[in-house]
């Protein structure tokens, strides 16, 4: 269907923009099954689950993004924001500190 993970990811983003959030999430899950180290897919899953207010799923995928991209301060800033929304104060503080130190 898609020749590269980037092409697949771009199609998922377009689905989300077109209001097909559940379809985008399903396609991203397929993407990470085939390309488990494609970090941007986890970032998108974190964002999209956040839109659905499914914070456990959102946090899981954002953590995976940070694991795959440990030197990206933006990822930790997002993780901190999600942790605050989910009531995980200590994790939020730790992620924010990590973001600042990068």
N, C-alpha and C. Protein backbone atom coordinates (compact mmCIF):
# COMPACT_ATOMS: atom_id res chain seq x y z
N UNK A 1 0.82 -1.19 0.00
CA UNK A 1 0.00 0.00 0.00
C UNK A 1 0.87 1.26 0.00
N UNK A 2 1.76 1.37 0.99
CA UNK A 2 2.68 2.51 1.07
C UNK A 2 4.10 2.00 0.87
N UNK A 3 4.92 2.77 0.21
CA UNK A 3 6.27 2.31 -0.08
C UNK A 3 7.27 2.66 1.01
N UNK A 4 6.97 3.68 1.83
CA UNK A 4 7.88 4.08 2.92
C UNK A 4 7.06 4.38 4.18
N UNK A 5 7.70 4.29 5.34
CA UNK A 5 6.98 4.67 6.56
C UNK A 5 6.58 6.15 6.55
N UNK A 6 7.38 6.98 5.90
CA UNK A 6 7.06 8.41 5.83
C UNK A 6 5.77 8.64 5.04
N UNK A 7 5.63 7.92 3.94
CA UNK A 7 4.42 8.03 3.12
C UNK A 7 3.19 7.55 3.91
N UNK A 8 3.36 6.47 4.65
CA UNK A 8 2.29 5.91 5.47
C UNK A 8 1.91 6.91 6.56
N UNK A 9 2.91 7.47 7.23
CA UNK A 9 2.68 8.45 8.28
C UNK A 9 1.93 9.67 7.73
N UNK A 10 2.38 10.17 6.59
CA UNK A 10 1.71 11.33 5.97
C UNK A 10 0.25 11.03 5.67
N UNK A 11 -0.05 9.82 5.22
CA UNK A 11 -1.44 9.44 4.95
C UNK A 11 -2.25 9.43 6.24
N UNK A 12 -1.64 8.99 7.34
CA UNK A 12 -2.33 8.98 8.63
C UNK A 12 -2.64 10.40 9.09
N UNK A 13 -1.70 11.30 8.90
CA UNK A 13 -1.91 12.70 9.27
C UNK A 13 -3.07 13.28 8.45
N UNK A 14 -3.12 12.96 7.18
CA UNK A 14 -4.21 13.44 6.33
C UNK A 14 -5.56 12.89 6.80
N UNK A 15 -5.58 11.62 7.21
CA UNK A 15 -6.82 11.03 7.75
C UNK A 15 -7.30 11.84 8.95
N UNK A 16 -6.37 12.13 9.85
CA UNK A 16 -6.73 12.87 11.06
C UNK A 16 -7.24 14.25 10.68
N UNK A 17 -6.58 14.91 9.76
CA UNK A 17 -7.02 16.25 9.33
C UNK A 17 -8.40 16.21 8.70
N UNK A 18 -8.73 15.09 8.05
CA UNK A 18 -10.04 14.93 7.42
C UNK A 18 -11.12 14.47 8.39
N UNK A 19 -10.78 14.42 9.68
CA UNK A 19 -11.77 14.03 10.69
C UNK A 19 -11.89 12.54 10.90
N UNK A 20 -10.98 11.78 10.36
CA UNK A 20 -11.01 10.32 10.49
C UNK A 20 -10.01 9.88 11.56
N UNK A 21 -10.25 10.32 12.76
CA UNK A 21 -9.32 10.09 13.86
C UNK A 21 -9.14 8.61 14.16
N UNK A 22 -10.24 7.87 14.27
CA UNK A 22 -10.14 6.44 14.57
C UNK A 22 -9.41 5.68 13.47
N UNK A 23 -9.65 6.07 12.23
CA UNK A 23 -8.98 5.42 11.10
C UNK A 23 -7.49 5.73 11.12
N UNK A 24 -7.15 6.97 11.47
CA UNK A 24 -5.74 7.36 11.56
C UNK A 24 -5.04 6.56 12.65
N UNK A 25 -5.69 6.40 13.78
CA UNK A 25 -5.11 5.63 14.88
C UNK A 25 -4.90 4.18 14.45
N UNK A 26 -5.89 3.60 13.81
CA UNK A 26 -5.77 2.21 13.36
C UNK A 26 -4.61 2.07 12.36
N UNK A 27 -4.50 3.00 11.45
CA UNK A 27 -3.42 2.95 10.45
C UNK A 27 -2.06 3.14 11.11
N UNK A 28 -1.98 4.01 12.10
CA UNK A 28 -0.71 4.20 12.82
C UNK A 28 -0.30 2.94 13.57
N UNK A 29 -1.27 2.24 14.14
CA UNK A 29 -0.95 0.97 14.81
C UNK A 29 -0.39 -0.04 13.82
N UNK A 30 -0.95 -0.07 12.62
CA UNK A 30 -0.42 -0.95 11.59
C UNK A 30 1.00 -0.53 11.21
N UNK A 31 1.21 0.78 11.14
CA UNK A 31 2.53 1.31 10.80
C UNK A 31 3.58 0.88 11.81
N UNK A 32 3.26 1.01 13.11
CA UNK A 32 4.26 0.64 14.13
C UNK A 32 4.43 -0.87 14.24
N UNK A 33 3.45 -1.62 13.81
CA UNK A 33 3.64 -3.07 13.76
C UNK A 33 4.69 -3.43 12.72
N UNK A 34 4.64 -2.76 11.58
CA UNK A 34 5.60 -3.04 10.50
C UNK A 34 6.94 -2.34 10.73
N UNK A 35 6.90 -1.12 11.27
CA UNK A 35 8.11 -0.33 11.52
C UNK A 35 8.13 0.09 13.00
N UNK A 36 8.48 -0.82 13.90
CA UNK A 36 8.38 -0.53 15.34
C UNK A 36 9.31 0.56 15.84
N UNK A 37 10.28 0.96 15.05
CA UNK A 37 11.20 2.01 15.48
C UNK A 37 10.92 3.35 14.82
N UNK A 38 9.78 3.48 14.17
CA UNK A 38 9.43 4.74 13.50
C UNK A 38 8.80 5.68 14.54
N UNK A 39 9.64 6.52 15.10
CA UNK A 39 9.27 7.34 16.26
C UNK A 39 8.10 8.28 16.02
N UNK A 40 8.03 8.91 14.86
CA UNK A 40 6.95 9.88 14.61
C UNK A 40 5.57 9.26 14.73
N UNK A 41 5.45 7.99 14.41
CA UNK A 41 4.15 7.32 14.53
C UNK A 41 3.70 7.29 16.00
N UNK A 42 4.64 7.07 16.90
CA UNK A 42 4.29 7.06 18.33
C UNK A 42 3.91 8.46 18.81
N UNK A 43 4.60 9.46 18.30
CA UNK A 43 4.25 10.84 18.65
C UNK A 43 2.83 11.15 18.20
N UNK A 44 2.49 10.73 16.99
CA UNK A 44 1.14 10.97 16.48
C UNK A 44 0.11 10.20 17.29
N UNK A 45 0.41 8.95 17.62
CA UNK A 45 -0.52 8.17 18.44
C UNK A 45 -0.73 8.85 19.79
N UNK A 46 0.33 9.36 20.38
CA UNK A 46 0.19 10.08 21.64
C UNK A 46 -0.73 11.28 21.51
N UNK A 47 -0.54 12.04 20.44
CA UNK A 47 -1.38 13.23 20.21
C UNK A 47 -2.82 12.84 19.93
N UNK A 48 -3.01 11.84 19.10
CA UNK A 48 -4.37 11.47 18.69
C UNK A 48 -5.15 10.86 19.85
N UNK A 49 -4.49 10.02 20.66
CA UNK A 49 -5.18 9.49 21.84
C UNK A 49 -5.50 10.61 22.83
N UNK A 50 -4.65 11.61 22.89
CA UNK A 50 -4.92 12.76 23.75
C UNK A 50 -6.18 13.49 23.28
N UNK A 51 -6.35 13.61 21.98
CA UNK A 51 -7.57 14.24 21.44
C UNK A 51 -8.82 13.48 21.85
N UNK A 52 -8.68 12.18 21.99
CA UNK A 52 -9.81 11.34 22.41
C UNK A 52 -9.93 11.25 23.94
N UNK A 53 -9.02 11.96 24.63
CA UNK A 53 -8.95 11.96 26.09
C UNK A 53 -8.72 10.57 26.65
N UNK A 54 -7.94 9.78 25.93
CA UNK A 54 -7.51 8.45 26.39
C UNK A 54 -6.05 8.59 26.83
N UNK A 55 -5.89 9.13 28.05
CA UNK A 55 -4.57 9.54 28.49
C UNK A 55 -3.62 8.38 28.78
N UNK A 56 -4.13 7.23 29.20
CA UNK A 56 -3.23 6.09 29.41
C UNK A 56 -2.58 5.69 28.09
N UNK A 57 -3.40 5.60 27.04
CA UNK A 57 -2.86 5.25 25.73
C UNK A 57 -1.94 6.36 25.22
N UNK A 58 -2.33 7.58 25.43
CA UNK A 58 -1.53 8.72 25.00
C UNK A 58 -0.16 8.70 25.66
N UNK A 59 -0.13 8.48 26.96
CA UNK A 59 1.12 8.44 27.70
C UNK A 59 2.00 7.28 27.25
N UNK A 60 1.40 6.13 27.02
CA UNK A 60 2.16 4.96 26.57
C UNK A 60 2.91 5.26 25.29
N UNK A 61 2.23 5.88 24.34
CA UNK A 61 2.86 6.14 23.05
C UNK A 61 3.85 7.30 23.13
N UNK A 62 3.57 8.28 23.95
CA UNK A 62 4.51 9.39 24.12
C UNK A 62 5.78 8.90 24.81
N UNK A 63 5.64 8.02 25.78
CA UNK A 63 6.82 7.44 26.43
C UNK A 63 7.67 6.67 25.42
N UNK A 64 7.00 5.93 24.55
CA UNK A 64 7.72 5.17 23.52
C UNK A 64 8.47 6.12 22.59
N UNK A 65 7.83 7.23 22.21
CA UNK A 65 8.50 8.22 21.38
C UNK A 65 9.78 8.70 22.07
N UNK A 66 9.67 9.05 23.35
CA UNK A 66 10.83 9.55 24.09
C UNK A 66 11.91 8.48 24.21
N UNK A 67 11.50 7.24 24.31
CA UNK A 67 12.46 6.14 24.36
C UNK A 67 13.22 6.04 23.04
N UNK A 68 12.52 6.21 21.94
CA UNK A 68 13.15 6.12 20.62
C UNK A 68 13.94 7.37 20.25
N UNK A 69 13.54 8.51 20.80
CA UNK A 69 14.19 9.80 20.51
C UNK A 69 14.60 10.47 21.83
N UNK A 70 15.55 9.86 22.54
CA UNK A 70 15.88 10.36 23.89
C UNK A 70 16.53 11.74 23.93
N UNK A 71 16.95 12.26 22.81
CA UNK A 71 17.59 13.57 22.79
C UNK A 71 16.69 14.67 22.25
N UNK A 72 15.40 14.40 22.15
CA UNK A 72 14.45 15.39 21.64
C UNK A 72 13.75 16.07 22.82
N UNK A 73 14.12 17.30 23.14
CA UNK A 73 13.51 17.98 24.28
C UNK A 73 12.01 18.21 24.09
N UNK A 74 11.58 18.39 22.85
CA UNK A 74 10.16 18.62 22.58
C UNK A 74 9.32 17.41 23.01
N UNK A 75 9.82 16.21 22.79
CA UNK A 75 9.10 15.01 23.20
C UNK A 75 8.87 14.96 24.69
N UNK A 76 9.90 15.34 25.45
CA UNK A 76 9.75 15.35 26.91
C UNK A 76 8.83 16.47 27.39
N UNK A 77 8.82 17.59 26.68
CA UNK A 77 7.90 18.67 27.03
C UNK A 77 6.46 18.22 26.83
N UNK A 78 6.22 17.51 25.74
CA UNK A 78 4.87 16.98 25.49
C UNK A 78 4.51 15.94 26.53
N UNK A 79 5.45 15.05 26.83
CA UNK A 79 5.21 14.04 27.86
C UNK A 79 4.85 14.71 29.18
N UNK A 80 5.55 15.77 29.53
CA UNK A 80 5.25 16.50 30.76
C UNK A 80 3.83 17.05 30.74
N UNK A 81 3.46 17.65 29.63
CA UNK A 81 2.11 18.21 29.50
C UNK A 81 1.04 17.13 29.63
N UNK A 82 1.26 16.01 28.99
CA UNK A 82 0.29 14.91 29.08
C UNK A 82 0.22 14.36 30.50
N UNK A 83 1.38 14.26 31.14
CA UNK A 83 1.39 13.74 32.51
C UNK A 83 0.62 14.66 33.46
N UNK A 84 0.75 15.97 33.25
CA UNK A 84 -0.02 16.91 34.06
C UNK A 84 -1.51 16.67 33.88
N UNK A 85 -1.91 16.55 32.62
CA UNK A 85 -3.34 16.32 32.33
C UNK A 85 -3.84 15.01 32.92
N UNK A 86 -2.94 14.03 33.01
CA UNK A 86 -3.32 12.74 33.56
C UNK A 86 -3.14 12.63 35.06
N UNK A 87 -2.71 13.71 35.70
CA UNK A 87 -2.56 13.70 37.15
C UNK A 87 -1.28 13.02 37.63
N UNK A 88 -0.30 12.89 36.76
CA UNK A 88 0.96 12.22 37.12
C UNK A 88 2.03 13.29 37.37
N UNK A 89 1.92 13.93 38.51
CA UNK A 89 2.75 15.10 38.80
C UNK A 89 4.24 14.80 38.76
N UNK A 90 4.67 13.74 39.42
CA UNK A 90 6.11 13.45 39.47
C UNK A 90 6.66 13.15 38.08
N UNK A 91 5.94 12.38 37.29
CA UNK A 91 6.40 12.10 35.94
C UNK A 91 6.44 13.38 35.10
N UNK A 92 5.47 14.26 35.32
CA UNK A 92 5.45 15.54 34.61
C UNK A 92 6.69 16.37 34.96
N UNK A 93 7.03 16.43 36.24
CA UNK A 93 8.20 17.18 36.67
C UNK A 93 9.49 16.57 36.12
N UNK A 94 9.57 15.24 36.16
CA UNK A 94 10.77 14.56 35.65
C UNK A 94 10.94 14.81 34.15
N UNK A 95 9.86 14.71 33.41
CA UNK A 95 9.93 14.92 31.96
C UNK A 95 10.29 16.37 31.64
N UNK A 96 9.73 17.31 32.38
CA UNK A 96 10.05 18.72 32.16
C UNK A 96 11.52 18.99 32.45
N UNK A 97 12.03 18.41 33.51
CA UNK A 97 13.44 18.58 33.85
C UNK A 97 14.32 17.97 32.76
N UNK A 98 13.93 16.82 32.25
CA UNK A 98 14.70 16.19 31.16
C UNK A 98 14.69 17.09 29.93
N UNK A 99 13.54 17.67 29.64
CA UNK A 99 13.43 18.58 28.50
C UNK A 99 14.36 19.78 28.66
N UNK A 100 14.39 20.34 29.82
CA UNK A 100 15.23 21.51 30.09
C UNK A 100 16.72 21.17 30.02
N UNK A 101 17.07 19.96 30.42
CA UNK A 101 18.48 19.57 30.43
C UNK A 101 19.02 19.22 29.05
N UNK A 102 18.12 19.01 28.12
CA UNK A 102 18.57 18.69 26.76
C UNK A 102 18.83 19.94 26.03
